[in-house]
Amino acid sequence: MSVTIYHNPRCGKSRATLALLEKKGVRPRVVEYLKTPPDKAELKRLLALLGMTPRALLRAKEAKEAGLDRAELSDDAIIAGMVAHPIVIERPIVVSGSRAAIGRPPEAVLKIL
């Protein structure tokens, strides 16, 4: 089964999650999502796999800086903001088959392997 990690190499949790996967013998496909941001369709797929709303996938500080923390924003507006400003997306996201998890803490991804 293929595993993908949406990774930010500057993030300690993301680096720790990648290291944990590799320690477990998993060689994931690494997507540096700041260089290759997910599009609207991919974000919707990730949200469905995670069972989360777009607002729940926002990083608070970065969302505020990007103006995406306003209560009146619709899910579609938040997703559009994530596409435009991928730094607001919580990380890392690991996808294994039809399951996904956020690596906070890194061990949280082990349940989907």
C-alpha atoms as a PDB file:
ATOM      1  CA  MET A   1       0.000   0.000   0.000  1.00  0.00           C
ATOM      2  CA  SER A   2       1.346   3.411  -0.882  1.00  0.00           C
ATOM      3  CA  VAL A   3       1.742   6.084   1.770  1.00  0.00           C
ATOM      4  CA  THR A   4       1.944   9.822   1.120  1.00  0.00           C
ATOM      5  CA  ILE A   5       3.038  12.530   3.527  1.00  0.00           C
ATOM      6  CA  TYR A   6       2.152  16.166   2.960  1.00  0.00           C
ATOM      7  CA  HIS A   7       5.331  17.532   4.444  1.00  0.00           C
ATOM      8  CA  ASN A   8       6.960  20.808   5.445  1.00  0.00           C
ATOM      9  CA  PRO A   9      10.670  20.168   6.046  1.00  0.00           C
ATOM     10  CA  ARG A  10      10.896  23.278   8.243  1.00  0.00           C
ATOM     11  CA  CYS A  11       8.310  21.866  10.696  1.00  0.00           C
ATOM     12  CA  GLY A  12       9.595  19.762  13.590  1.00  0.00           C
ATOM     13  CA  LYS A  13       6.422  17.629  13.813  1.00  0.00           C
ATOM     14  CA  SER A  14       6.543  17.003  10.092  1.00  0.00           C
ATOM     15  CA  ARG A  15      10.202  15.945  10.232  1.00  0.00           C
ATOM     16  CA  ALA A  16       9.493  13.715  13.259  1.00  0.00           C
ATOM     17  CA  THR A  17       6.543  12.078  11.498  1.00  0.00           C
ATOM     18  CA  LEU A  18       8.597  11.388   8.382  1.00  0.00           C
ATOM     19  CA  ALA A  19      11.394   9.930  10.528  1.00  0.00           C
ATOM     20  CA  LEU A  20       8.891   7.720  12.383  1.00  0.00           C
ATOM     21  CA  LEU A  21       7.472   6.397   9.112  1.00  0.00           C
ATOM     22  CA  GLU A  22      10.951   5.619   7.824  1.00  0.00           C
ATOM     23  CA  LYS A  23      11.883   3.936  11.126  1.00  0.00           C
ATOM     24  CA  LYS A  24       8.835   1.683  10.667  1.00  0.00           C
ATOM     25  CA  GLY A  25      10.081   0.731   7.200  1.00  0.00           C
ATOM     26  CA  VAL A  26       7.595   2.902   5.326  1.00  0.00           C
ATOM     27  CA  ARG A  27       8.973   4.803   2.362  1.00  0.00           C
ATOM     28  CA  PRO A  28       6.298   7.428   1.753  1.00  0.00           C
ATOM     29  CA  ARG A  29       5.847   9.608  -1.270  1.00  0.00           C
ATOM     30  CA  VAL A  30       6.812  13.026   0.065  1.00  0.00           C
ATOM     31  CA  VAL A  31       4.796  16.014  -1.120  1.00  0.00           C
ATOM     32  CA  GLU A  32       6.289  19.308  -0.020  1.00  0.00           C
ATOM     33  CA  TYR A  33       2.921  21.015  -0.030  1.00  0.00           C
ATOM     34  CA  LEU A  34       4.346  24.534   0.138  1.00  0.00           C
ATOM     35  CA  LYS A  35       6.156  23.899  -3.169  1.00  0.00           C
ATOM     36  CA  THR A  36       3.351  21.794  -4.676  1.00  0.00           C
ATOM     37  CA  PRO A  37       0.118  22.911  -2.995  1.00  0.00           C
ATOM     38  CA  PRO A  38      -2.914  20.651  -3.187  1.00  0.00           C
ATOM     39  CA  ASP A  39      -5.682  21.918  -5.425  1.00  0.00           C
ATOM     40  CA  LYS A  40      -9.324  22.268  -4.401  1.00  0.00           C
ATOM     41  CA  ALA A  41     -10.211  18.680  -5.362  1.00  0.00           C
ATOM     42  CA  GLU A  42      -7.243  17.231  -3.475  1.00  0.00           C
ATOM     43  CA  LEU A  43      -8.044  19.285  -0.375  1.00  0.00           C
ATOM     44  CA  LYS A  44     -11.643  18.063  -0.439  1.00  0.00           C
ATOM     45  CA  ARG A  45     -10.387  14.474  -0.760  1.00  0.00           C
ATOM     46  CA  LEU A  46      -7.993  14.943   2.174  1.00  0.00           C
ATOM     47  CA  LEU A  47     -10.729  16.507   4.306  1.00  0.00           C
ATOM     48  CA  ALA A  48     -13.051  13.578   3.554  1.00  0.00           C
ATOM     49  CA  LEU A  49     -10.344  11.046   4.448  1.00  0.00           C
ATOM     50  CA  LEU A  50      -9.589  12.934   7.657  1.00  0.00           C
ATOM     51  CA  GLY A  51     -13.275  13.371   8.499  1.00  0.00           C
ATOM     52  CA  MET A  52     -12.647  17.066   9.151  1.00  0.00           C
ATOM     53  CA  THR A  53     -14.126  20.394   8.177  1.00  0.00           C
ATOM     54  CA  PRO A  54     -11.934  22.899   6.361  1.00  0.00           C
ATOM     55  CA  ARG A  55     -11.922  25.156   9.434  1.00  0.00           C
ATOM     56  CA  ALA A  56     -10.624  22.287  11.609  1.00  0.00           C
ATOM     57  CA  LEU A  57      -7.645  21.841   9.263  1.00  0.00           C
ATOM     58  CA  LEU A  58      -6.507  25.451   9.643  1.00  0.00           C
ATOM     59  CA  ARG A  59      -3.442  26.438  11.644  1.00  0.00           C
ATOM     60  CA  ALA A  60      -4.741  29.217  13.918  1.00  0.00           C
ATOM     61  CA  LYS A  61      -1.889  31.726  13.715  1.00  0.00           C
ATOM     62  CA  GLU A  62      -1.365  31.375   9.976  1.00  0.00           C
ATOM     63  CA  ALA A  63      -5.124  31.437   9.290  1.00  0.00           C
ATOM     64  CA  LYS A  64      -5.447  34.692  11.214  1.00  0.00           C
ATOM     65  CA  GLU A  65      -2.547  36.218   9.295  1.00  0.00           C
ATOM     66  CA  ALA A  66      -4.178  35.186   5.997  1.00  0.00           C
ATOM     67  CA  GLY A  67      -7.626  36.465   7.052  1.00  0.00           C
ATOM     68  CA  LEU A  68      -9.113  32.962   7.027  1.00  0.00           C
ATOM     69  CA  ASP A  69     -10.189  32.942  10.675  1.00  0.00           C
ATOM     70  CA  ARG A  70     -13.343  34.994  10.087  1.00  0.00           C
ATOM     71  CA  ALA A  71     -16.470  33.159  11.271  1.00  0.00           C
ATOM     72  CA  GLU A  72     -18.541  34.143   8.243  1.00  0.00           C
ATOM     73  CA  LEU A  73     -16.293  32.354   5.746  1.00  0.00           C
ATOM     74  CA  SER A  74     -17.876  29.369   4.023  1.00  0.00           C
ATOM     75  CA  ASP A  75     -16.121  26.020   3.642  1.00  0.00           C
ATOM     76  CA  ASP A  76     -15.528  26.796  -0.040  1.00  0.00           C
ATOM     77  CA  ALA A  77     -13.957  30.151   0.847  1.00  0.00           C
ATOM     78  CA  ILE A  78     -11.682  28.486   3.391  1.00  0.00           C
ATOM     79  CA  ILE A  79     -10.637  25.838   0.861  1.00  0.00           C
ATOM     80  CA  ALA A  80      -9.910  28.559  -1.704  1.00  0.00           C
ATOM     81  CA  GLY A  81      -7.802  30.292   0.946  1.00  0.00           C
ATOM     82  CA  MET A  82      -5.921  27.055   1.620  1.00  0.00           C
ATOM     83  CA  VAL A  83      -5.148  26.710  -2.079  1.00  0.00           C
ATOM     84  CA  ALA A  84      -3.913  30.312  -2.210  1.00  0.00           C
ATOM     85  CA  HIS A  85      -2.032  30.147   1.119  1.00  0.00           C
ATOM     86  CA  PRO A  86      -1.011  26.509   1.772  1.00  0.00           C
ATOM     87  CA  ILE A  87       0.943  27.551   4.890  1.00  0.00           C
ATOM     88  CA  VAL A  88      -2.423  27.669   6.699  1.00  0.00           C
ATOM     89  CA  ILE A  89      -2.930  23.895   6.305  1.00  0.00           C
ATOM     90  CA  GLU A  90      -2.219  21.809   9.415  1.00  0.00           C
ATOM     91  CA  ARG A  91       0.682  19.459   8.950  1.00  0.00           C
ATOM     92  CA  PRO A  92       1.840  16.846   8.403  1.00  0.00           C
ATOM     93  CA  ILE A  93      -0.948  14.890   6.765  1.00  0.00           C
ATOM     94  CA  VAL A  94      -0.268  11.209   6.075  1.00  0.00           C
ATOM     95  CA  VAL A  95      -2.449   9.225   3.685  1.00  0.00           C
ATOM     96  CA  SER A  96      -2.416   5.441   3.539  1.00  0.00           C
ATOM     97  CA  GLY A  97      -4.942   3.918   1.170  1.00  0.00           C
ATOM     98  CA  SER A  98      -8.380   5.248   2.094  1.00  0.00           C
ATOM     99  CA  ARG A  99      -7.295   6.569   5.489  1.00  0.00           C
ATOM    100  CA  ALA A 100      -5.527   9.736   6.604  1.00  0.00           C
ATOM    101  CA  ALA A 101      -4.212  11.217   9.837  1.00  0.00           C
ATOM    102  CA  ILE A 102      -2.462  14.339  11.014  1.00  0.00           C
ATOM    103  CA  GLY A 103       0.917  13.709  12.613  1.00  0.00           C
ATOM    104  CA  ARG A 104       0.256  15.653  15.818  1.00  0.00           C
ATOM    105  CA  PRO A 105       1.674  13.854  17.670  1.00  0.00           C
ATOM    106  CA  PRO A 106       3.690  11.930  15.077  1.00  0.00           C
ATOM    107  CA  GLU A 107       2.543   8.596  16.541  1.00  0.00           C
ATOM    108  CA  ALA A 108      -1.038   9.433  15.517  1.00  0.00           C
ATOM    109  CA  VAL A 109      -0.247   8.297  11.974  1.00  0.00           C
ATOM    110  CA  LEU A 110       0.594   4.760  13.062  1.00  0.00           C
ATOM    111  CA  LYS A 111      -3.112   3.893  13.415  1.00  0.00           C
ATOM    112  CA  ILE A 112      -3.645   4.206   9.641  1.00  0.00           C
ATOM    113  CA  LEU A 113      -0.708   2.062   8.532  1.00  0.00           C
END
